[in-house]
Amino acid sequence: MKMLIFLIPIALFLGLLGLGAFLWSMRSGQYDDLDGASYRALFEEDEMKKNDE
């Protein structure tokens, strides 16, 4: 029972830390372009430049 005094605050702290990291990643734009990386991996740079013009 005494161990719960330590484990509950540690679990709450880690949960808030994870939530803070997730919110930071959302605000900094980590999830903005999900399709772009897959296109860059499959196509050559020359083909992408032709499509942009």
C-alpha atoms as a PDB file:
ATOM      1  CA  MET A   1       0.000   0.000   0.000  1.00  0.00           C
ATOM      2  CA  LYS A   2       2.889   2.342   0.697  1.00  0.00           C
ATOM      3  CA  MET A   3       4.200   1.765  -2.801  1.00  0.00           C
ATOM      4  CA  LEU A   4       1.051   3.307  -4.317  1.00  0.00           C
ATOM      5  CA  ILE A   5       2.053   6.629  -2.787  1.00  0.00           C
ATOM      6  CA  PHE A   6       5.036   6.624  -5.164  1.00  0.00           C
ATOM      7  CA  LEU A   7       3.570   4.855  -8.175  1.00  0.00           C
ATOM      8  CA  ILE A   8       0.456   7.004  -8.677  1.00  0.00           C
ATOM      9  CA  PRO A   9       2.321  10.348  -8.933  1.00  0.00           C
ATOM     10  CA  ILE A  10       4.948   8.774 -11.198  1.00  0.00           C
ATOM     11  CA  ALA A  11       2.221   7.384 -13.494  1.00  0.00           C
ATOM     12  CA  LEU A  12       0.446  10.741 -13.586  1.00  0.00           C
ATOM     13  CA  PHE A  13       3.696  12.545 -14.347  1.00  0.00           C
ATOM     14  CA  LEU A  14       4.557  10.164 -17.207  1.00  0.00           C
ATOM     15  CA  GLY A  15       1.052  10.481 -18.625  1.00  0.00           C
ATOM     16  CA  LEU A  16       1.228  14.274 -18.566  1.00  0.00           C
ATOM     17  CA  LEU A  17       4.707  14.143 -20.084  1.00  0.00           C
ATOM     18  CA  GLY A  18       3.424  12.000 -22.958  1.00  0.00           C
ATOM     19  CA  LEU A  19       0.437  14.283 -23.474  1.00  0.00           C
ATOM     20  CA  GLY A  20       2.724  17.309 -23.512  1.00  0.00           C
ATOM     21  CA  ALA A  21       5.013  15.684 -26.079  1.00  0.00           C
ATOM     22  CA  PHE A  22       2.025  14.835 -28.272  1.00  0.00           C
ATOM     23  CA  LEU A  23       0.626  18.369 -28.087  1.00  0.00           C
ATOM     24  CA  TRP A  24       4.045  19.834 -28.845  1.00  0.00           C
ATOM     25  CA  SER A  25       4.383  17.623 -31.914  1.00  0.00           C
ATOM     26  CA  MET A  26       0.941  18.667 -33.132  1.00  0.00           C
ATOM     27  CA  ARG A  27       1.730  22.373 -32.750  1.00  0.00           C
ATOM     28  CA  SER A  28       5.139  22.098 -34.426  1.00  0.00           C
ATOM     29  CA  GLY A  29       3.644  20.512 -37.553  1.00  0.00           C
ATOM     30  CA  GLN A  30       4.981  16.970 -37.296  1.00  0.00           C
ATOM     31  CA  TYR A  31       1.804  15.509 -38.819  1.00  0.00           C
ATOM     32  CA  ASP A  32       1.124  18.083 -41.544  1.00  0.00           C
ATOM     33  CA  ASP A  33       2.393  16.239 -44.639  1.00  0.00           C
ATOM     34  CA  LEU A  34       1.818  12.514 -44.226  1.00  0.00           C
ATOM     35  CA  ASP A  35       1.682  11.721 -47.946  1.00  0.00           C
ATOM     36  CA  GLY A  36       4.690  13.755 -49.021  1.00  0.00           C
ATOM     37  CA  ALA A  37       7.308  11.399 -47.602  1.00  0.00           C
ATOM     38  CA  SER A  38       5.838   8.407 -49.417  1.00  0.00           C
ATOM     39  CA  TYR A  39       5.862  10.283 -52.731  1.00  0.00           C
ATOM     40  CA  ARG A  40       9.438  11.417 -52.220  1.00  0.00           C
ATOM     41  CA  ALA A  41      10.512   7.839 -51.545  1.00  0.00           C
ATOM     42  CA  LEU A  42       8.854   6.429 -54.679  1.00  0.00           C
ATOM     43  CA  PHE A  43       9.523   9.062 -57.333  1.00  0.00           C
ATOM     44  CA  GLU A  44      12.692  10.576 -58.674  1.00  0.00           C
ATOM     45  CA  GLU A  45      13.386  14.237 -57.954  1.00  0.00           C
ATOM     46  CA  ASP A  46      13.270  15.075 -61.666  1.00  0.00           C
ATOM     47  CA  GLU A  47       9.764  13.665 -61.999  1.00  0.00           C
ATOM     48  CA  MET A  48       8.558  15.685 -59.027  1.00  0.00           C
ATOM     49  CA  LYS A  49      10.080  18.881 -60.449  1.00  0.00           C
ATOM     50  CA  LYS A  50       8.293  18.282 -63.765  1.00  0.00           C
ATOM     51  CA  ASN A  51       4.977  17.875 -61.946  1.00  0.00           C
ATOM     52  CA  ASP A  52       5.487  21.099 -59.997  1.00  0.00           C
ATOM     53  CA  GLU A  53       6.027  23.186 -63.140  1.00  0.00           C
END
